[in-house]
Amino acid sequence: MSLKGNKGFSLLEVLVVVVILSVLAATLIPRFGSSIEKSKISRAETELKTFKTALTKVFFDTNYFPKDVSANQDPGLTLKTRVPRAHQKNWDGPYLERWPKNGHPWGGSYDYEYGRNTAMNFDGTAGNEVTLVMRDGALTQKILDRIDADLDDGNASTGLVRHNRRNRLEYFVGEGPKW
């Protein structure tokens, strides 16, 4: 079999194809990255709202919020054994299928906090504030601003969502006694 007479691609034709593919990649990759970031934001917002709903249901059932726990720990939404015996009778859970042990989409932790955020004292009784906290990981001001704007007023220092513009966002759940 002879290769004479068979024409291949010229160097110029190959270069044109490479340039076209490079231009397409340069336009599509940022859009793809943006879609991934939007998806992570949507997931975090959904998880925060789901946690808030579950905690509100616990409060309505037991008349108490769970006590403060460590980061990435279930405060008593999935297992009755995490609830003090005195409050197990009215606990009607599980309120969540699972608590996300791997934290939020940017690699940091979710933290349920009770009584640590007196800046969100709306009822005049300091020390009974319930907040959900996203902290650490690859959080940025842009991410925190977007979540604040979607869930609240978009102002980092007012409303029900507050953040430090770096690596910590607090989402107000409510106020009341703890078990």
N, C-alpha and C. Protein backbone atom coordinates (compact mmCIF):
# COMPACT_ATOMS: atom_id res chain seq x y z
N MET A 1 0.85 -1.16 0.00
CA MET A 1 0.00 0.00 0.00
C MET A 1 0.90 1.22 0.00
N SER A 2 0.68 2.06 -0.95
CA SER A 2 1.52 3.25 -1.12
C SER A 2 0.81 4.47 -0.56
N LEU A 3 1.58 5.32 0.07
CA LEU A 3 1.03 6.55 0.62
C LEU A 3 1.10 7.69 -0.38
N LYS A 4 1.72 7.46 -1.51
CA LYS A 4 1.81 8.51 -2.52
C LYS A 4 0.44 8.81 -3.07
N GLY A 5 0.16 10.05 -3.24
CA GLY A 5 -1.12 10.48 -3.78
C GLY A 5 -2.17 10.72 -2.69
N ASN A 6 -1.95 10.19 -1.48
CA ASN A 6 -2.85 10.47 -0.36
C ASN A 6 -2.43 11.77 0.27
N LYS A 7 -3.37 12.63 0.39
CA LYS A 7 -3.04 13.92 0.98
C LYS A 7 -3.45 13.91 2.44
N GLY A 8 -2.61 14.47 3.28
CA GLY A 8 -2.93 14.65 4.69
C GLY A 8 -3.29 16.10 4.94
N PHE A 9 -3.40 16.44 6.21
CA PHE A 9 -3.69 17.83 6.56
C PHE A 9 -2.39 18.62 6.57
N SER A 10 -2.50 19.82 6.10
CA SER A 10 -1.31 20.69 6.14
C SER A 10 -1.15 21.24 7.56
N LEU A 11 0.02 21.72 7.85
CA LEU A 11 0.29 22.31 9.16
C LEU A 11 -0.64 23.48 9.42
N LEU A 12 -0.92 24.26 8.41
CA LEU A 12 -1.82 25.42 8.54
C LEU A 12 -3.23 24.98 8.93
N GLU A 13 -3.72 23.92 8.30
CA GLU A 13 -5.06 23.42 8.62
C GLU A 13 -5.14 22.92 10.07
N VAL A 14 -4.11 22.23 10.50
CA VAL A 14 -4.07 21.74 11.87
C VAL A 14 -4.05 22.91 12.85
N LEU A 15 -3.27 23.93 12.56
CA LEU A 15 -3.20 25.11 13.43
C LEU A 15 -4.54 25.83 13.51
N VAL A 16 -5.25 25.94 12.39
CA VAL A 16 -6.57 26.60 12.39
C VAL A 16 -7.53 25.83 13.30
N VAL A 17 -7.53 24.51 13.21
CA VAL A 17 -8.41 23.70 14.06
C VAL A 17 -8.04 23.88 15.53
N VAL A 18 -6.76 23.89 15.86
CA VAL A 18 -6.31 24.08 17.24
C VAL A 18 -6.75 25.44 17.77
N VAL A 19 -6.64 26.49 16.96
CA VAL A 19 -7.06 27.83 17.37
C VAL A 19 -8.56 27.86 17.62
N ILE A 20 -9.34 27.26 16.73
CA ILE A 20 -10.80 27.25 16.89
C ILE A 20 -11.18 26.51 18.18
N LEU A 21 -10.57 25.35 18.43
CA LEU A 21 -10.87 24.61 19.66
C LEU A 21 -10.45 25.38 20.90
N SER A 22 -9.35 26.10 20.83
CA SER A 22 -8.90 26.91 21.97
C SER A 22 -9.88 28.03 22.28
N VAL A 23 -10.38 28.68 21.25
CA VAL A 23 -11.36 29.76 21.44
C VAL A 23 -12.64 29.20 22.05
N LEU A 24 -13.11 28.07 21.55
CA LEU A 24 -14.31 27.45 22.12
C LEU A 24 -14.10 27.08 23.59
N ALA A 25 -12.97 26.49 23.90
CA ALA A 25 -12.68 26.11 25.29
C ALA A 25 -12.62 27.33 26.19
N ALA A 26 -12.00 28.40 25.70
CA ALA A 26 -11.88 29.62 26.51
C ALA A 26 -13.24 30.24 26.80
N THR A 27 -14.20 30.04 25.91
CA THR A 27 -15.53 30.62 26.14
C THR A 27 -16.40 29.71 26.99
N LEU A 28 -16.26 28.42 26.85
CA LEU A 28 -17.16 27.50 27.55
C LEU A 28 -16.70 27.16 28.97
N ILE A 29 -15.43 27.09 29.22
CA ILE A 29 -14.94 26.70 30.55
C ILE A 29 -15.39 27.67 31.65
N PRO A 30 -15.29 29.00 31.47
CA PRO A 30 -15.79 29.89 32.54
C PRO A 30 -17.29 29.72 32.80
N ARG A 31 -18.06 29.47 31.76
CA ARG A 31 -19.50 29.25 31.95
C ARG A 31 -19.75 27.98 32.74
N PHE A 32 -18.99 26.95 32.46
CA PHE A 32 -19.13 25.70 33.18
C PHE A 32 -18.76 25.89 34.65
N GLY A 33 -17.66 26.60 34.91
CA GLY A 33 -17.25 26.89 36.28
C GLY A 33 -18.28 27.69 37.03
N SER A 34 -18.90 28.65 36.36
CA SER A 34 -19.94 29.47 36.96
C SER A 34 -21.16 28.61 37.33
N SER A 35 -21.48 27.66 36.47
CA SER A 35 -22.61 26.77 36.75
C SER A 35 -22.34 25.91 37.98
N ILE A 36 -21.12 25.45 38.12
CA ILE A 36 -20.76 24.65 39.29
C ILE A 36 -20.91 25.48 40.56
N GLU A 37 -20.43 26.73 40.53
CA GLU A 37 -20.52 27.60 41.71
C GLU A 37 -21.98 27.90 42.06
N LYS A 38 -22.81 28.16 41.04
CA LYS A 38 -24.24 28.40 41.28
C LYS A 38 -24.89 27.17 41.90
N SER A 39 -24.50 26.00 41.45
CA SER A 39 -25.04 24.76 41.99
C SER A 39 -24.66 24.59 43.46
N LYS A 40 -23.42 24.90 43.81
CA LYS A 40 -22.99 24.82 45.21
C LYS A 40 -23.75 25.81 46.08
N ILE A 41 -23.95 27.02 45.58
CA ILE A 41 -24.71 28.03 46.33
C ILE A 41 -26.13 27.55 46.56
N SER A 42 -26.75 27.02 45.52
CA SER A 42 -28.12 26.51 45.63
C SER A 42 -28.20 25.37 46.65
N ARG A 43 -27.23 24.48 46.62
CA ARG A 43 -27.21 23.37 47.58
C ARG A 43 -27.08 23.89 49.01
N ALA A 44 -26.17 24.83 49.24
CA ALA A 44 -25.98 25.38 50.59
C ALA A 44 -27.24 26.08 51.08
N GLU A 45 -27.88 26.87 50.21
CA GLU A 45 -29.11 27.57 50.60
C GLU A 45 -30.21 26.57 50.94
N THR A 46 -30.34 25.53 50.14
CA THR A 46 -31.36 24.50 50.40
C THR A 46 -31.08 23.80 51.72
N GLU A 47 -29.82 23.47 51.98
CA GLU A 47 -29.48 22.80 53.24
C GLU A 47 -29.76 23.71 54.43
N LEU A 48 -29.39 24.97 54.35
CA LEU A 48 -29.66 25.90 55.46
C LEU A 48 -31.16 26.01 55.73
N LYS A 49 -31.96 26.15 54.68
CA LYS A 49 -33.42 26.25 54.86
C LYS A 49 -34.00 24.95 55.42
N THR A 50 -33.47 23.82 54.98
CA THR A 50 -33.94 22.52 55.49
C THR A 50 -33.62 22.37 56.97
N PHE A 51 -32.40 22.76 57.37
CA PHE A 51 -32.03 22.71 58.79
C PHE A 51 -32.93 23.61 59.61
N LYS A 52 -33.20 24.81 59.11
CA LYS A 52 -34.05 25.75 59.84
C LYS A 52 -35.45 25.18 60.02
N THR A 53 -36.00 24.61 58.97
CA THR A 53 -37.33 24.00 59.05
C THR A 53 -37.34 22.86 60.07
N ALA A 54 -36.32 22.01 60.03
CA ALA A 54 -36.25 20.89 60.97
C ALA A 54 -36.14 21.39 62.41
N LEU A 55 -35.32 22.40 62.65
CA LEU A 55 -35.18 22.95 64.00
C LEU A 55 -36.46 23.61 64.49
N THR A 56 -37.17 24.26 63.59
CA THR A 56 -38.46 24.87 63.94
C THR A 56 -39.46 23.79 64.33
N LYS A 57 -39.47 22.67 63.61
CA LYS A 57 -40.37 21.56 63.95
C LYS A 57 -40.02 20.96 65.32
N VAL A 58 -38.73 20.81 65.59
CA VAL A 58 -38.31 20.32 66.91
C VAL A 58 -38.85 21.25 67.99
N PHE A 59 -38.70 22.55 67.78
CA PHE A 59 -39.17 23.51 68.77
C PHE A 59 -40.69 23.41 68.96
N PHE A 60 -41.44 23.30 67.87
CA PHE A 60 -42.90 23.19 67.99
C PHE A 60 -43.30 21.90 68.71
N ASP A 61 -42.58 20.81 68.49
CA ASP A 61 -42.92 19.54 69.14
C ASP A 61 -42.52 19.50 70.61
N THR A 62 -41.36 20.06 70.95
CA THR A 62 -40.81 19.89 72.31
C THR A 62 -40.83 21.17 73.15
N ASN A 63 -41.09 22.31 72.51
CA ASN A 63 -41.01 23.63 73.15
C ASN A 63 -39.59 24.01 73.56
N TYR A 64 -38.61 23.33 72.97
CA TYR A 64 -37.21 23.61 73.24
C TYR A 64 -36.40 23.51 71.95
N PHE A 65 -35.28 24.22 71.93
CA PHE A 65 -34.29 24.03 70.88
C PHE A 65 -33.21 23.11 71.44
N PRO A 66 -32.50 22.38 70.56
CA PRO A 66 -31.38 21.56 71.05
C PRO A 66 -30.29 22.42 71.68
N LYS A 67 -29.52 21.82 72.58
CA LYS A 67 -28.37 22.52 73.17
C LYS A 67 -27.28 22.66 72.11
N ASP A 68 -26.30 23.50 72.41
CA ASP A 68 -25.18 23.74 71.50
C ASP A 68 -24.36 22.46 71.32
N VAL A 69 -23.90 22.22 70.09
CA VAL A 69 -23.06 21.06 69.80
C VAL A 69 -21.84 21.49 68.98
N SER A 70 -20.90 20.59 68.82
CA SER A 70 -19.69 20.86 68.04
C SER A 70 -20.02 20.95 66.55
N ALA A 71 -19.09 21.52 65.78
CA ALA A 71 -19.27 21.65 64.34
C ALA A 71 -19.46 20.28 63.69
N ASN A 72 -20.30 20.25 62.65
CA ASN A 72 -20.62 19.05 61.89
C ASN A 72 -21.25 17.94 62.73
N GLN A 73 -21.88 18.31 63.85
CA GLN A 73 -22.57 17.34 64.70
C GLN A 73 -24.07 17.57 64.64
N ASP A 74 -24.82 16.49 64.57
CA ASP A 74 -26.27 16.56 64.59
C ASP A 74 -26.73 16.99 65.98
N PRO A 75 -27.51 18.08 66.08
CA PRO A 75 -27.96 18.54 67.39
C PRO A 75 -29.15 17.78 67.96
N GLY A 76 -29.64 16.78 67.25
CA GLY A 76 -30.79 16.01 67.73
C GLY A 76 -31.92 15.99 66.72
N LEU A 77 -31.59 16.12 65.45
CA LEU A 77 -32.61 16.14 64.41
C LEU A 77 -32.80 14.78 63.74
N THR A 78 -31.82 13.89 63.88
CA THR A 78 -31.90 12.60 63.20
C THR A 78 -32.10 11.43 64.16
N LEU A 79 -31.55 11.52 65.35
CA LEU A 79 -31.62 10.40 66.29
C LEU A 79 -32.22 10.84 67.63
N LYS A 80 -33.20 10.08 68.07
CA LYS A 80 -33.84 10.37 69.35
C LYS A 80 -32.86 10.23 70.51
N THR A 81 -31.85 9.39 70.35
CA THR A 81 -30.88 9.17 71.42
C THR A 81 -30.05 10.42 71.72
N ARG A 82 -30.04 11.38 70.82
CA ARG A 82 -29.32 12.64 71.06
C ARG A 82 -30.17 13.64 71.87
N VAL A 83 -31.40 13.27 72.13
CA VAL A 83 -32.33 14.14 72.84
C VAL A 83 -32.37 13.72 74.31
N PRO A 84 -32.29 14.66 75.25
CA PRO A 84 -32.40 14.30 76.67
C PRO A 84 -33.71 13.56 76.95
N ARG A 85 -33.66 12.59 77.85
CA ARG A 85 -34.84 11.76 78.14
C ARG A 85 -36.08 12.59 78.46
N ALA A 86 -35.91 13.68 79.17
CA ALA A 86 -37.05 14.51 79.56
C ALA A 86 -37.80 15.08 78.36
N HIS A 87 -37.16 15.15 77.21
CA HIS A 87 -37.79 15.74 76.02
C HIS A 87 -38.07 14.72 74.92
N GLN A 88 -37.71 13.46 75.14
CA GLN A 88 -37.92 12.44 74.11
C GLN A 88 -39.39 12.14 73.86
N LYS A 89 -40.22 12.31 74.87
CA LYS A 89 -41.64 11.99 74.74
C LYS A 89 -42.30 12.80 73.62
N ASN A 90 -41.97 14.07 73.53
CA ASN A 90 -42.60 14.93 72.52
C ASN A 90 -41.81 15.02 71.22
N TRP A 91 -40.62 14.44 71.20
CA TRP A 91 -39.79 14.44 69.98
C TRP A 91 -40.47 13.55 68.95
N ASP A 92 -40.79 14.09 67.80
CA ASP A 92 -41.54 13.36 66.79
C ASP A 92 -40.73 13.22 65.50
N GLY A 93 -39.43 13.00 65.65
CA GLY A 93 -38.54 12.91 64.48
C GLY A 93 -38.47 11.51 63.93
N PRO A 94 -37.53 11.28 63.05
CA PRO A 94 -36.44 12.18 62.70
C PRO A 94 -36.92 13.36 61.85
N TYR A 95 -36.28 14.48 62.06
CA TYR A 95 -36.61 15.71 61.35
C TYR A 95 -35.72 15.90 60.12
N LEU A 96 -34.62 15.19 60.10
CA LEU A 96 -33.72 15.14 58.94
C LEU A 96 -33.35 13.69 58.71
N GLU A 97 -33.09 13.36 57.46
CA GLU A 97 -32.61 12.01 57.15
C GLU A 97 -31.20 11.81 57.68
N ARG A 98 -30.36 12.83 57.50
CA ARG A 98 -28.98 12.77 58.00
C ARG A 98 -28.45 14.18 58.15
N TRP A 99 -27.48 14.34 59.04
CA TRP A 99 -26.76 15.60 59.19
C TRP A 99 -25.52 15.50 58.31
N PRO A 100 -25.21 16.50 57.49
CA PRO A 100 -24.08 16.38 56.55
C PRO A 100 -22.72 16.40 57.26
N LYS A 101 -22.17 15.23 57.49
CA LYS A 101 -20.89 15.13 58.21
C LYS A 101 -19.73 15.74 57.43
N ASN A 102 -19.87 15.84 56.12
CA ASN A 102 -18.80 16.42 55.31
C ASN A 102 -18.93 17.93 55.18
N GLY A 103 -19.90 18.51 55.85
CA GLY A 103 -20.03 19.96 55.86
C GLY A 103 -20.63 20.55 54.60
N HIS A 104 -20.35 21.83 54.39
CA HIS A 104 -20.95 22.55 53.27
C HIS A 104 -20.17 22.31 51.97
N PRO A 105 -20.73 22.75 50.84
CA PRO A 105 -20.14 22.44 49.53
C PRO A 105 -18.72 22.96 49.29
N TRP A 106 -18.22 23.87 50.10
CA TRP A 106 -16.87 24.41 49.90
C TRP A 106 -15.86 23.80 50.86
N GLY A 107 -16.24 22.70 51.52
CA GLY A 107 -15.28 21.97 52.33
C GLY A 107 -15.19 22.37 53.79
N GLY A 108 -15.95 23.34 54.23
CA GLY A 108 -15.95 23.72 55.64
C GLY A 108 -17.07 23.02 56.38
N SER A 109 -17.40 23.51 57.56
CA SER A 109 -18.39 22.84 58.40
C SER A 109 -19.69 23.63 58.54
N TYR A 110 -20.75 22.87 58.82
CA TYR A 110 -22.00 23.44 59.30
C TYR A 110 -21.95 23.32 60.81
N ASP A 111 -22.41 24.33 61.50
CA ASP A 111 -22.39 24.30 62.95
C ASP A 111 -23.72 24.83 63.48
N TYR A 112 -24.36 24.04 64.34
CA TYR A 112 -25.56 24.49 65.04
C TYR A 112 -25.07 25.18 66.30
N GLU A 113 -25.50 26.41 66.52
CA GLU A 113 -25.07 27.15 67.71
C GLU A 113 -26.28 27.65 68.49
N TYR A 114 -26.21 27.48 69.80
CA TYR A 114 -27.25 27.99 70.69
C TYR A 114 -26.62 28.97 71.65
N GLY A 115 -27.14 30.20 71.68
CA GLY A 115 -26.73 31.19 72.67
C GLY A 115 -25.40 31.86 72.44
N ARG A 116 -24.84 31.73 71.27
CA ARG A 116 -23.52 32.32 71.01
C ARG A 116 -23.58 33.62 70.22
N ASN A 117 -24.74 34.00 69.73
CA ASN A 117 -24.80 35.17 68.85
C ASN A 117 -25.77 36.20 69.39
N THR A 118 -25.36 36.95 70.39
CA THR A 118 -26.25 37.95 70.97
C THR A 118 -26.49 39.12 70.04
N ALA A 119 -25.72 39.24 68.97
CA ALA A 119 -25.98 40.29 67.98
C ALA A 119 -27.31 40.04 67.27
N MET A 120 -27.78 38.80 67.29
CA MET A 120 -29.06 38.45 66.68
C MET A 120 -30.13 38.29 67.75
N ASN A 121 -30.07 39.07 68.78
CA ASN A 121 -31.05 39.04 69.86
C ASN A 121 -32.22 39.93 69.46
N PHE A 122 -33.32 39.30 69.07
CA PHE A 122 -34.49 40.05 68.63
C PHE A 122 -35.60 40.07 69.68
N ASP A 123 -35.53 39.20 70.71
CA ASP A 123 -36.60 39.15 71.70
C ASP A 123 -36.24 39.81 73.03
N GLY A 124 -35.04 40.39 73.13
CA GLY A 124 -34.65 41.07 74.35
C GLY A 124 -34.04 40.17 75.42
N THR A 125 -33.98 38.87 75.16
CA THR A 125 -33.38 37.93 76.10
C THR A 125 -32.07 37.43 75.50
N ALA A 126 -30.98 37.94 75.99
CA ALA A 126 -29.67 37.55 75.45
C ALA A 126 -29.32 36.12 75.86
N GLY A 127 -28.72 35.38 74.94
CA GLY A 127 -28.25 34.04 75.25
C GLY A 127 -29.15 32.91 74.81
N ASN A 128 -30.28 33.20 74.16
CA ASN A 128 -31.16 32.13 73.71
C ASN A 128 -31.31 32.10 72.18
N GLU A 129 -30.33 32.69 71.49
CA GLU A 129 -30.38 32.79 70.04
C GLU A 129 -29.92 31.48 69.40
N VAL A 130 -30.62 31.05 68.37
CA VAL A 130 -30.28 29.83 67.64
C VAL A 130 -29.85 30.23 66.24
N THR A 131 -28.63 29.82 65.87
CA THR A 131 -28.12 30.13 64.53
C THR A 131 -27.50 28.88 63.91
N LEU A 132 -27.54 28.86 62.59
CA LEU A 132 -26.80 27.86 61.82
C LEU A 132 -25.61 28.58 61.22
N VAL A 133 -24.46 27.99 61.29
CA VAL A 133 -23.23 28.65 60.85
C VAL A 133 -22.55 27.81 59.78
N MET A 134 -22.16 28.49 58.70
CA MET A 134 -21.26 27.90 57.71
C MET A 134 -19.91 28.54 57.95
N ARG A 135 -18.87 27.73 58.09
CA ARG A 135 -17.56 28.33 58.37
C ARG A 135 -16.46 27.59 57.63
N ASP A 136 -15.40 28.34 57.39
CA ASP A 136 -14.16 27.82 56.84
C ASP A 136 -14.35 27.22 55.44
N GLY A 137 -13.42 26.40 55.03
CA GLY A 137 -13.43 25.88 53.67
C GLY A 137 -13.06 26.98 52.69
N ALA A 138 -13.52 26.86 51.47
CA ALA A 138 -13.18 27.81 50.40
C ALA A 138 -14.24 28.89 50.24
N LEU A 139 -14.87 29.33 51.33
CA LEU A 139 -15.86 30.40 51.26
C LEU A 139 -15.18 31.71 50.86
N THR A 140 -15.88 32.50 50.06
CA THR A 140 -15.37 33.81 49.65
C THR A 140 -16.44 34.86 49.91
N GLN A 141 -16.05 36.12 49.84
CA GLN A 141 -17.03 37.19 50.02
C GLN A 141 -18.12 37.11 48.96
N LYS A 142 -17.77 36.78 47.74
CA LYS A 142 -18.75 36.68 46.67
C LYS A 142 -19.81 35.62 46.99
N ILE A 143 -19.37 34.48 47.48
CA ILE A 143 -20.30 33.40 47.85
C ILE A 143 -21.20 33.85 49.00
N LEU A 144 -20.60 34.41 50.04
CA LEU A 144 -21.37 34.85 51.21
C LEU A 144 -22.36 35.94 50.84
N ASP A 145 -21.94 36.89 50.00
CA ASP A 145 -22.85 37.96 49.55
C ASP A 145 -24.03 37.39 48.78
N ARG A 146 -23.78 36.39 47.92
CA ARG A 146 -24.85 35.80 47.11
C ARG A 146 -25.87 35.09 48.01
N ILE A 147 -25.38 34.31 48.96
CA ILE A 147 -26.29 33.60 49.87
C ILE A 147 -27.09 34.60 50.70
N ASP A 148 -26.43 35.64 51.19
CA ASP A 148 -27.12 36.68 51.96
C ASP A 148 -28.20 37.35 51.12
N ALA A 149 -27.89 37.67 49.88
CA ALA A 149 -28.87 38.32 49.00
C ALA A 149 -30.04 37.38 48.70
N ASP A 150 -29.77 36.11 48.51
CA ASP A 150 -30.83 35.15 48.18
C ASP A 150 -31.73 34.85 49.38
N LEU A 151 -31.15 34.74 50.57
CA LEU A 151 -31.93 34.35 51.75
C LEU A 151 -32.40 35.52 52.61
N ASP A 152 -31.82 36.72 52.39
CA ASP A 152 -32.12 37.83 53.29
C ASP A 152 -32.02 39.16 52.55
N ASP A 153 -31.41 40.15 53.21
CA ASP A 153 -31.39 41.52 52.69
C ASP A 153 -30.14 41.90 51.92
N GLY A 154 -29.16 41.01 51.83
CA GLY A 154 -27.94 41.31 51.09
C GLY A 154 -26.96 42.19 51.84
N ASN A 155 -27.27 42.54 53.09
CA ASN A 155 -26.37 43.36 53.90
C ASN A 155 -25.69 42.44 54.92
N ALA A 156 -24.37 42.41 54.88
CA ALA A 156 -23.59 41.47 55.71
C ALA A 156 -23.79 41.65 57.21
N SER A 157 -24.20 42.83 57.65
CA SER A 157 -24.26 43.09 59.09
C SER A 157 -25.67 43.30 59.63
N THR A 158 -26.70 43.06 58.82
CA THR A 158 -28.08 43.20 59.31
C THR A 158 -28.92 42.01 58.86
N GLY A 159 -30.09 41.91 59.42
CA GLY A 159 -31.04 40.90 58.99
C GLY A 159 -30.83 39.54 59.63
N LEU A 160 -31.38 38.51 58.96
CA LEU A 160 -31.36 37.16 59.49
C LEU A 160 -30.16 36.36 58.99
N VAL A 161 -29.44 36.89 58.01
CA VAL A 161 -28.20 36.28 57.53
C VAL A 161 -27.10 37.32 57.69
N ARG A 162 -26.03 36.93 58.38
CA ARG A 162 -24.91 37.86 58.58
C ARG A 162 -23.62 37.10 58.31
N HIS A 163 -22.62 37.84 57.84
CA HIS A 163 -21.34 37.19 57.58
C HIS A 163 -20.20 38.17 57.74
N ASN A 164 -19.00 37.61 57.86
CA ASN A 164 -17.81 38.42 58.11
C ASN A 164 -17.03 38.75 56.83
N ARG A 165 -17.62 38.46 55.68
CA ARG A 165 -17.03 38.72 54.36
C ARG A 165 -15.81 37.86 54.06
N ARG A 166 -15.53 36.87 54.89
CA ARG A 166 -14.36 36.01 54.65
C ARG A 166 -14.72 34.53 54.69
N ASN A 167 -15.05 34.02 55.87
CA ASN A 167 -15.20 32.57 55.99
C ASN A 167 -16.25 32.14 57.01
N ARG A 168 -17.21 32.99 57.31
CA ARG A 168 -18.24 32.64 58.31
C ARG A 168 -19.55 33.32 57.96
N LEU A 169 -20.62 32.51 57.87
CA LEU A 169 -21.97 33.02 57.63
C LEU A 169 -22.87 32.48 58.73
N GLU A 170 -23.72 33.34 59.30
CA GLU A 170 -24.66 32.94 60.35
C GLU A 170 -26.08 33.16 59.85
N TYR A 171 -26.91 32.14 60.03
CA TYR A 171 -28.30 32.17 59.58
C TYR A 171 -29.19 32.01 60.81
N PHE A 172 -29.99 33.03 61.11
CA PHE A 172 -30.84 33.05 62.30
C PHE A 172 -31.97 32.05 62.14
N VAL A 173 -32.18 31.23 63.18
CA VAL A 173 -33.26 30.24 63.20
C VAL A 173 -34.40 30.70 64.09
N GLY A 174 -34.08 31.12 65.31
CA GLY A 174 -35.11 31.53 66.25
C GLY A 174 -34.52 31.78 67.62
N GLU A 175 -35.41 31.95 68.60
CA GLU A 175 -34.99 32.17 69.99
C GLU A 175 -35.93 31.39 70.90
N GLY A 176 -35.39 30.85 71.95
CA GLY A 176 -36.20 30.11 72.90
C GLY A 176 -35.33 29.28 73.81
N PRO A 177 -35.96 28.57 74.77
CA PRO A 177 -35.19 27.77 75.71
C PRO A 177 -34.55 26.56 75.04
N LYS A 178 -33.47 26.05 75.67
CA LYS A 178 -32.82 24.85 75.15
C LYS A 178 -33.10 23.68 76.08
N TRP A 179 -32.93 22.46 75.55
CA TRP A 179 -33.09 21.29 76.42
C TRP A 179 -31.81 20.95 77.10
